[in-house]
Amino acid sequence: MDIYEKADSFRHATGQEVARYANSFIGIRHFGSKGRGVIALRNIRAGTSIERCPVLIIPAEDRQRTDPTIVFTYVFMWEHGTTEQDLYNGAGRAGIALGLSSLLNHSYSPNAVFIRHIDALELELKTCRDVACGEEILIDYQMKLWFDPAGC
C-alpha cells in the first residue's frame, strides 16, 4: 500500500466510523457540523512524533491568489522567524502539509504541537501530553481565528 493511499475505514472502539490511512497513530473522523478531524488510533505518550509529512509550498507571489480561497484555512506560514499570525500579512511563503496534519482542528488547550522544519520542507506533529485512544488530536493555531471556536 502506498504511504498516502487510504486504507479501508473501520469502526473504532468508540463506535465511530474512522478512515484509516498508512499512519498507525492517527486517522480521520467526522465530527458532525465541526467537519473532519484527526483522531488517535491508539494511546499515545506525551512527546511522541505522530506524523512528519512533506509540505507543498505556496510561493509568496501566489499568495495573493490563494489566500482569498479555502486554501488559506489549511496552510501554515513557511518562512524562518515567522508565526502563524504572519499569514494575515499575505507576505512570504505558505505551506500545505501533505499528511493528515492539514486536517487538525484548533484548541486553546491542545494535546499536540506542530513543528515547522522549514528547510526540510516538512511538518512534524508531536503530542504535548498523553493522548487516549479515540481522542481528537488538537493544536493551537497560534493566530487570530477566522471562526468562533465556541461554535465548534
C-alpha atoms as a PDB file:
ATOM      1  CA  MET A   1       0.000   0.000   0.000  1.00  0.00           C
ATOM      2  CA  ASP A   2       1.325   3.450  -0.937  1.00  0.00           C
ATOM      3  CA  ILE A   3       2.027   5.615   2.142  1.00  0.00           C
ATOM      4  CA  TYR A   4      -0.613   8.143   1.013  1.00  0.00           C
ATOM      5  CA  GLU A   5      -3.192   5.577  -0.034  1.00  0.00           C
ATOM      6  CA  LYS A   6      -6.311   5.450   2.083  1.00  0.00           C
ATOM      7  CA  ALA A   7      -6.968   2.087   3.612  1.00  0.00           C
ATOM      8  CA  ASP A   8     -10.494   0.963   4.345  1.00  0.00           C
ATOM      9  CA  SER A   9     -12.441   2.651   7.091  1.00  0.00           C
ATOM     10  CA  PHE A  10     -13.390   0.823  10.244  1.00  0.00           C
ATOM     11  CA  ARG A  11     -15.440   1.205  13.386  1.00  0.00           C
ATOM     12  CA  HIS A  12     -13.232   2.474  16.154  1.00  0.00           C
ATOM     13  CA  ALA A  13     -13.704   1.275  19.746  1.00  0.00           C
ATOM     14  CA  THR A  14     -15.767   4.446  20.265  1.00  0.00           C
ATOM     15  CA  GLY A  15     -18.285   3.136  17.723  1.00  0.00           C
ATOM     16  CA  GLN A  16     -17.459   5.941  15.284  1.00  0.00           C
ATOM     17  CA  GLU A  17     -16.554   5.417  11.636  1.00  0.00           C
ATOM     18  CA  VAL A  18     -12.859   6.285  11.198  1.00  0.00           C
ATOM     19  CA  ALA A  19     -10.932   6.496   7.932  1.00  0.00           C
ATOM     20  CA  ARG A  20      -7.600   4.742   8.327  1.00  0.00           C
ATOM     21  CA  TYR A  21      -4.519   5.745   6.390  1.00  0.00           C
ATOM     22  CA  ALA A  22      -0.943   4.449   6.400  1.00  0.00           C
ATOM     23  CA  ASN A  23      -0.236   6.192   9.717  1.00  0.00           C
ATOM     24  CA  SER A  24      -0.775   3.750  12.590  1.00  0.00           C
ATOM     25  CA  PHE A  25      -1.119   6.541  15.200  1.00  0.00           C
ATOM     26  CA  ILE A  26      -3.877   8.681  13.660  1.00  0.00           C
ATOM     27  CA  GLY A  27      -6.907   8.577  11.382  1.00  0.00           C
ATOM     28  CA  ILE A  28      -9.696  10.898  10.243  1.00  0.00           C
ATOM     29  CA  ARG A  29     -13.164  11.068  11.734  1.00  0.00           C
ATOM     30  CA  HIS A  30     -16.182  13.259  11.008  1.00  0.00           C
ATOM     31  CA  PHE A  31     -17.266  15.426  13.939  1.00  0.00           C
ATOM     32  CA  GLY A  32     -20.703  16.498  12.709  1.00  0.00           C
ATOM     33  CA  SER A  33     -21.013  20.215  11.976  1.00  0.00           C
ATOM     34  CA  LYS A  34     -17.389  20.695  13.024  1.00  0.00           C
ATOM     35  CA  GLY A  35     -16.288  18.653  10.000  1.00  0.00           C
ATOM     36  CA  ARG A  36     -13.361  16.289   9.775  1.00  0.00           C
ATOM     37  CA  GLY A  37     -10.664  15.991  12.401  1.00  0.00           C
ATOM     38  CA  VAL A  38      -7.731  13.825  13.372  1.00  0.00           C
ATOM     39  CA  ILE A  39      -8.241  11.070  15.933  1.00  0.00           C
ATOM     40  CA  ALA A  40      -5.792   8.912  17.909  1.00  0.00           C
ATOM     41  CA  LEU A  41      -6.000   5.250  16.884  1.00  0.00           C
ATOM     42  CA  ARG A  42      -4.104   4.130  19.997  1.00  0.00           C
ATOM     43  CA  ASN A  43      -2.900   5.532  23.305  1.00  0.00           C
ATOM     44  CA  ILE A  44      -0.018   7.899  22.564  1.00  0.00           C
ATOM     45  CA  ARG A  45       2.556   9.071  25.102  1.00  0.00           C
ATOM     46  CA  ALA A  46       3.499  12.731  25.503  1.00  0.00           C
ATOM     47  CA  GLY A  47       6.417  13.755  23.308  1.00  0.00           C
ATOM     48  CA  THR A  48       5.675  11.213  20.566  1.00  0.00           C
ATOM     49  CA  SER A  49       6.186  12.281  16.973  1.00  0.00           C
ATOM     50  CA  ILE A  50       2.960  11.035  15.347  1.00  0.00           C
ATOM     51  CA  GLU A  51       3.420  12.458  11.857  1.00  0.00           C
ATOM     52  CA  ARG A  52       6.186  14.041   9.832  1.00  0.00           C
ATOM     53  CA  CYS A  53       4.960  14.903   6.378  1.00  0.00           C
ATOM     54  CA  PRO A  54       6.161  16.765   3.307  1.00  0.00           C
ATOM     55  CA  VAL A  55       4.920  20.290   2.699  1.00  0.00           C
ATOM     56  CA  LEU A  56       3.761  21.754  -0.600  1.00  0.00           C
ATOM     57  CA  ILE A  57       4.978  25.335  -0.835  1.00  0.00           C
ATOM     58  CA  ILE A  58       2.754  28.181  -1.991  1.00  0.00           C
ATOM     59  CA  PRO A  59       5.256  30.773  -3.277  1.00  0.00           C
ATOM     60  CA  ALA A  60       4.955  34.330  -1.971  1.00  0.00           C
ATOM     61  CA  GLU A  61       3.928  35.572  -5.409  1.00  0.00           C
ATOM     62  CA  ASP A  62       0.947  33.176  -5.453  1.00  0.00           C
ATOM     63  CA  ARG A  63      -0.399  34.106  -2.013  1.00  0.00           C
ATOM     64  CA  GLN A  64      -2.481  36.994  -3.398  1.00  0.00           C
ATOM     65  CA  ARG A  65      -4.475  34.463  -5.450  1.00  0.00           C
ATOM     66  CA  THR A  66      -4.659  31.620  -2.908  1.00  0.00           C
ATOM     67  CA  ASP A  67      -5.231  33.489   0.377  1.00  0.00           C
ATOM     68  CA  PRO A  68      -8.814  34.545  -0.509  1.00  0.00           C
ATOM     69  CA  THR A  69      -9.722  30.878  -1.146  1.00  0.00           C
ATOM     70  CA  ILE A  70     -10.476  27.919   1.123  1.00  0.00           C
ATOM     71  CA  VAL A  71      -6.788  27.010   0.834  1.00  0.00           C
ATOM     72  CA  PHE A  72      -5.984  29.719   3.433  1.00  0.00           C
ATOM     73  CA  THR A  73      -7.717  27.669   6.145  1.00  0.00           C
ATOM     74  CA  TYR A  74      -5.299  24.757   5.624  1.00  0.00           C
ATOM     75  CA  VAL A  75      -1.897  26.474   5.357  1.00  0.00           C
ATOM     76  CA  PHE A  76       0.992  27.062   7.708  1.00  0.00           C
ATOM     77  CA  MET A  77       3.337  30.065   7.495  1.00  0.00           C
ATOM     78  CA  TRP A  78       6.547  28.859   5.859  1.00  0.00           C
ATOM     79  CA  GLU A  79       9.294  31.403   6.476  1.00  0.00           C
ATOM     80  CA  HIS A  80      12.019  31.467   9.135  1.00  0.00           C
ATOM     81  CA  GLY A  81      11.317  33.839  12.031  1.00  0.00           C
ATOM     82  CA  THR A  82       7.545  33.973  11.435  1.00  0.00           C
ATOM     83  CA  THR A  83       4.482  32.808  13.324  1.00  0.00           C
ATOM     84  CA  GLU A  84       1.114  31.616  12.060  1.00  0.00           C
ATOM     85  CA  GLN A  85      -0.296  35.083  12.770  1.00  0.00           C
ATOM     86  CA  ASP A  86       2.008  36.355   9.988  1.00  0.00           C
ATOM     87  CA  LEU A  87      -0.200  34.565   7.444  1.00  0.00           C
ATOM     88  CA  TYR A  88      -2.553  37.561   7.673  1.00  0.00           C
ATOM     89  CA  ASN A  89       0.192  39.830   6.263  1.00  0.00           C
ATOM     90  CA  GLY A  90      -0.087  37.996   2.933  1.00  0.00           C
ATOM     91  CA  ALA A  91       3.696  38.057   2.504  1.00  0.00           C
ATOM     92  CA  GLY A  92       6.142  35.173   2.361  1.00  0.00           C
ATOM     93  CA  ARG A  93       5.617  31.542   1.560  1.00  0.00           C
ATOM     94  CA  ALA A  94       2.855  29.359   2.968  1.00  0.00           C
ATOM     95  CA  GLY A  95       2.848  25.585   3.132  1.00  0.00           C
ATOM     96  CA  ILE A  96       0.219  22.865   2.916  1.00  0.00           C
ATOM     97  CA  ALA A  97       1.040  19.732   4.911  1.00  0.00           C
ATOM     98  CA  LEU A  98       0.627  16.693   2.655  1.00  0.00           C
ATOM     99  CA  GLY A  99      -0.444  14.475   5.505  1.00  0.00           C
ATOM    100  CA  LEU A 100      -3.266  14.315   7.993  1.00  0.00           C
ATOM    101  CA  SER A 101      -1.901  17.386   9.831  1.00  0.00           C
ATOM    102  CA  SER A 102      -3.704  19.747   7.448  1.00  0.00           C
ATOM    103  CA  LEU A 103      -6.975  18.482   8.938  1.00  0.00           C
ATOM    104  CA  LEU A 104      -6.132  19.249  12.577  1.00  0.00           C
ATOM    105  CA  ASN A 105      -8.708  21.242  14.497  1.00  0.00           C
ATOM    106  CA  HIS A 106      -7.962  24.091  16.910  1.00  0.00           C
ATOM    107  CA  SER A 107      -7.929  24.169  20.695  1.00  0.00           C
ATOM    108  CA  TYR A 108      -6.570  26.684  23.193  1.00  0.00           C
ATOM    109  CA  SER A 109      -5.743  23.571  25.292  1.00  0.00           C
ATOM    110  CA  PRO A 110      -4.109  21.393  22.633  1.00  0.00           C
ATOM    111  CA  ASN A 111      -2.769  17.886  23.084  1.00  0.00           C
ATOM    112  CA  ALA A 112      -0.290  18.253  20.218  1.00  0.00           C
ATOM    113  CA  VAL A 113       2.037  20.820  18.689  1.00  0.00           C
ATOM    114  CA  PHE A 114       3.348  21.260  15.177  1.00  0.00           C
ATOM    115  CA  ILE A 115       6.973  21.896  14.365  1.00  0.00           C
ATOM    116  CA  ARG A 116       7.845  23.525  11.053  1.00  0.00           C
ATOM    117  CA  HIS A 117      11.046  22.108   9.588  1.00  0.00           C
ATOM    118  CA  ILE A 118      11.351  24.999   7.134  1.00  0.00           C
ATOM    119  CA  ASP A 119      14.471  23.966   5.210  1.00  0.00           C
ATOM    120  CA  ALA A 120      13.498  20.266   5.073  1.00  0.00           C
ATOM    121  CA  LEU A 121      10.008  21.227   3.765  1.00  0.00           C
ATOM    122  CA  GLU A 122       8.394  19.005   6.419  1.00  0.00           C
ATOM    123  CA  LEU A 123       5.849  19.495   9.174  1.00  0.00           C
ATOM    124  CA  GLU A 124       6.094  17.391  12.318  1.00  0.00           C
ATOM    125  CA  LEU A 125       3.214  16.719  14.686  1.00  0.00           C
ATOM    126  CA  LYS A 126       4.120  15.813  18.285  1.00  0.00           C
ATOM    127  CA  THR A 127       1.979  15.138  21.303  1.00  0.00           C
ATOM    128  CA  CYS A 128       2.460  17.559  24.194  1.00  0.00           C
ATOM    129  CA  ARG A 129       0.621  15.346  26.681  1.00  0.00           C
ATOM    130  CA  ASP A 130      -0.603  11.758  26.788  1.00  0.00           C
ATOM    131  CA  VAL A 131      -3.450  11.203  24.327  1.00  0.00           C
ATOM    132  CA  ALA A 132      -6.038   8.455  24.792  1.00  0.00           C
ATOM    133  CA  CYS A 133      -7.173   6.155  22.023  1.00  0.00           C
ATOM    134  CA  GLY A 134     -10.229   7.730  20.373  1.00  0.00           C
ATOM    135  CA  GLU A 135      -9.329  11.274  21.467  1.00  0.00           C
ATOM    136  CA  GLU A 136      -9.219  14.033  18.865  1.00  0.00           C
ATOM    137  CA  ILE A 137      -5.749  15.414  18.168  1.00  0.00           C
ATOM    138  CA  LEU A 138      -5.890  19.209  18.531  1.00  0.00           C
ATOM    139  CA  ILE A 139      -3.386  22.028  18.032  1.00  0.00           C
ATOM    140  CA  ASP A 140      -3.393  25.717  18.845  1.00  0.00           C
ATOM    141  CA  TYR A 141      -3.488  27.543  15.503  1.00  0.00           C
ATOM    142  CA  GLN A 142      -1.377  30.323  17.103  1.00  0.00           C
ATOM    143  CA  MET A 143      -3.234  33.066  15.270  1.00  0.00           C
ATOM    144  CA  LYS A 144      -6.359  35.231  15.434  1.00  0.00           C
ATOM    145  CA  LEU A 145      -9.092  32.804  14.430  1.00  0.00           C
ATOM    146  CA  TRP A 146     -11.371  33.440  11.456  1.00  0.00           C
ATOM    147  CA  PHE A 147     -14.163  31.472  13.170  1.00  0.00           C
ATOM    148  CA  ASP A 148     -15.791  31.358  16.594  1.00  0.00           C
ATOM    149  CA  PRO A 149     -14.230  28.399  18.439  1.00  0.00           C
ATOM    150  CA  ALA A 150     -17.209  28.346  20.822  1.00  0.00           C
ATOM    151  CA  GLY A 151     -19.391  27.342  17.867  1.00  0.00           C
ATOM    152  CA  CYS A 152     -17.389  24.211  17.160  1.00  0.00           C
END
